[in-house]
Every structure is written in C-alpha cells, then in structure tokens.
C-alpha atoms as a PDB file:
ATOM      1  CA  UNK A   1     -77.397  60.338 170.126  1.00  0.00           C
ATOM      2  CA  UNK A   2     -78.387  57.491 167.894  1.00  0.00           C
ATOM      3  CA  UNK A   3     -75.694  54.858 167.375  1.00  0.00           C
ATOM      4  CA  UNK A   4     -74.271  54.837 163.865  1.00  0.00           C
ATOM      5  CA  UNK A   5     -71.213  52.552 164.187  1.00  0.00           C
ATOM      6  CA  UNK A   6     -71.100  48.807 163.708  1.00  0.00           C
ATOM      7  CA  UNK A   7     -68.963  46.379 165.685  1.00  0.00           C
ATOM      8  CA  UNK A   8     -66.348  45.980 162.940  1.00  0.00           C
ATOM      9  CA  UNK A   9     -65.972  49.752 162.694  1.00  0.00           C
ATOM     10  CA  UNK A  10     -65.548  50.030 166.474  1.00  0.00           C
ATOM     11  CA  UNK A  11     -62.944  47.245 166.535  1.00  0.00           C
ATOM     12  CA  UNK A  12     -60.897  48.884 163.782  1.00  0.00           C
ATOM     13  CA  UNK A  13     -60.945  52.214 165.599  1.00  0.00           C
ATOM     14  CA  UNK A  14     -59.866  50.627 168.888  1.00  0.00           C
ATOM     15  CA  UNK A  15     -56.982  48.803 167.195  1.00  0.00           C
ATOM     16  CA  UNK A  16     -55.870  52.015 165.491  1.00  0.00           C
ATOM     17  CA  UNK A  17     -56.012  53.904 168.805  1.00  0.00           C
ATOM     18  CA  UNK A  18     -53.802  51.263 170.419  1.00  0.00           C
ATOM     19  CA  UNK A  19     -51.351  51.352 167.507  1.00  0.00           C
ATOM     20  CA  UNK A  20     -51.149  55.164 167.602  1.00  0.00           C
ATOM     21  CA  UNK A  21     -50.548  55.123 171.369  1.00  0.00           C
ATOM     22  CA  UNK A  22     -47.900  52.420 170.949  1.00  0.00           C
ATOM     23  CA  UNK A  23     -46.086  54.419 168.279  1.00  0.00           C
ATOM     24  CA  UNK A  24     -46.035  57.468 170.528  1.00  0.00           C
ATOM     25  CA  UNK A  25     -45.000  55.589 173.681  1.00  0.00           C
ATOM     26  CA  UNK A  26     -42.138  53.786 171.926  1.00  0.00           C
ATOM     27  CA  UNK A  27     -41.107  57.126 170.408  1.00  0.00           C
ATOM     28  CA  UNK A  28     -41.234  55.836 166.836  1.00  0.00           C
ATOM     29  CA  UNK A  29     -43.347  58.901 166.072  1.00  0.00           C
ATOM     30  CA  UNK A  30     -42.472  62.122 167.886  1.00  0.00           C
ATOM     31  CA  UNK A  31     -43.220  65.810 167.865  1.00  0.00           C
ATOM     32  CA  UNK A  32     -46.281  67.333 166.286  1.00  0.00           C
ATOM     33  CA  UNK A  33     -47.110  64.238 164.238  1.00  0.00           C
ATOM     34  CA  UNK A  34     -46.938  62.066 167.347  1.00  0.00           C
ATOM     35  CA  UNK A  35     -49.242  64.333 169.319  1.00  0.00           C
ATOM     36  CA  UNK A  36     -51.655  64.553 166.377  1.00  0.00           C
ATOM     37  CA  UNK A  37     -51.779  60.738 166.159  1.00  0.00           C
ATOM     38  CA  UNK A  38     -52.308  60.510 169.905  1.00  0.00           C
ATOM     39  CA  UNK A  39     -55.232  62.953 169.746  1.00  0.00           C
ATOM     40  CA  UNK A  40     -56.698  61.122 166.754  1.00  0.00           C
ATOM     41  CA  UNK A  41     -56.379  57.843 168.648  1.00  0.00           C
ATOM     42  CA  UNK A  42     -58.222  59.410 171.582  1.00  0.00           C
ATOM     43  CA  UNK A  43     -61.028  60.526 169.286  1.00  0.00           C
ATOM     44  CA  UNK A  44     -61.200  57.028 167.765  1.00  0.00           C
ATOM     45  CA  UNK A  45     -61.383  55.480 171.231  1.00  0.00           C
ATOM     46  CA  UNK A  46     -64.079  57.898 172.418  1.00  0.00           C
ATOM     47  CA  UNK A  47     -66.246  57.401 169.339  1.00  0.00           C
ATOM     48  CA  UNK A  48     -65.871  53.629 169.696  1.00  0.00           C
ATOM     49  CA  UNK A  49     -67.023  53.726 173.310  1.00  0.00           C
ATOM     50  CA  UNK A  50     -70.014  55.918 172.434  1.00  0.00           C
ATOM     51  CA  UNK A  51     -70.798  54.005 169.196  1.00  0.00           C
ATOM     52  CA  UNK A  52     -71.413  57.379 167.600  1.00  0.00           C
ATOM     53  CA  UNK A  53     -69.370  59.259 165.006  1.00  0.00           C
ATOM     54  CA  UNK A  54     -70.385  62.880 164.346  1.00  0.00           C
ATOM     55  CA  UNK A  55     -68.674  62.801 160.944  1.00  0.00           C
ATOM     56  CA  UNK A  56     -70.879  59.876 159.898  1.00  0.00           C
ATOM     57  CA  UNK A  57     -73.922  61.998 160.750  1.00  0.00           C
ATOM     58  CA  UNK A  58     -72.700  64.834 158.531  1.00  0.00           C
ATOM     59  CA  UNK A  59     -71.976  62.422 155.672  1.00  0.00           C
ATOM     60  CA  UNK A  60     -75.206  60.455 156.139  1.00  0.00           C
ATOM     61  CA  UNK A  61     -73.342  57.205 156.814  1.00  0.00           C
ATOM     62  CA  UNK A  62     -74.368  54.372 159.128  1.00  0.00           C
ATOM     63  CA  UNK A  63     -72.323  51.194 159.650  1.00  0.00           C
ATOM     64  CA  UNK A  64     -74.540  49.898 162.444  1.00  0.00           C
ATOM     65  CA  UNK A  65     -76.120  46.520 161.834  1.00  0.00           C
ATOM     66  CA  UNK A  66     -79.820  46.562 161.060  1.00  0.00           C
ATOM     67  CA  UNK A  67     -82.028  45.340 163.905  1.00  0.00           C
ATOM     68  CA  UNK A  68     -84.693  42.868 162.879  1.00  0.00           C
END
C-alpha cells in the first residue's frame, strides 16, 4: 500500500473519530445512527493509522505531501 494521506487529512480524521466516539459514549447520538457514526469513526481511525484511504485510490486522489 502506498500512502495517499497527508498529515492534515489524518489529523482531521482522528478528531472526527474522537468526536463520533464522544457523541456515542455520552449518548447524544443513539441507535442505528450512533452505531453508524461509531463504525465510521473506526474506519477514519484505521485509515489515519495506515495513512492509506482506499476511496482515494478509486478517485485518484492523493493528499500526501510531495517528497523532494
């Protein structure tokens, strides 16, 4: 897997994962929507750790900084 995520993209995804988990834990979002946000947060966290987003590959996107 070639990395295709930049540091800003990873930071945003990590923050969103934390927010989604916080909303679910504090029960501000419950039921199916809460579980869906929790799963989405898990995907965001996993893709941030791996620095790879499969959707970016399909769309031909790359937010990774260019190495000189």
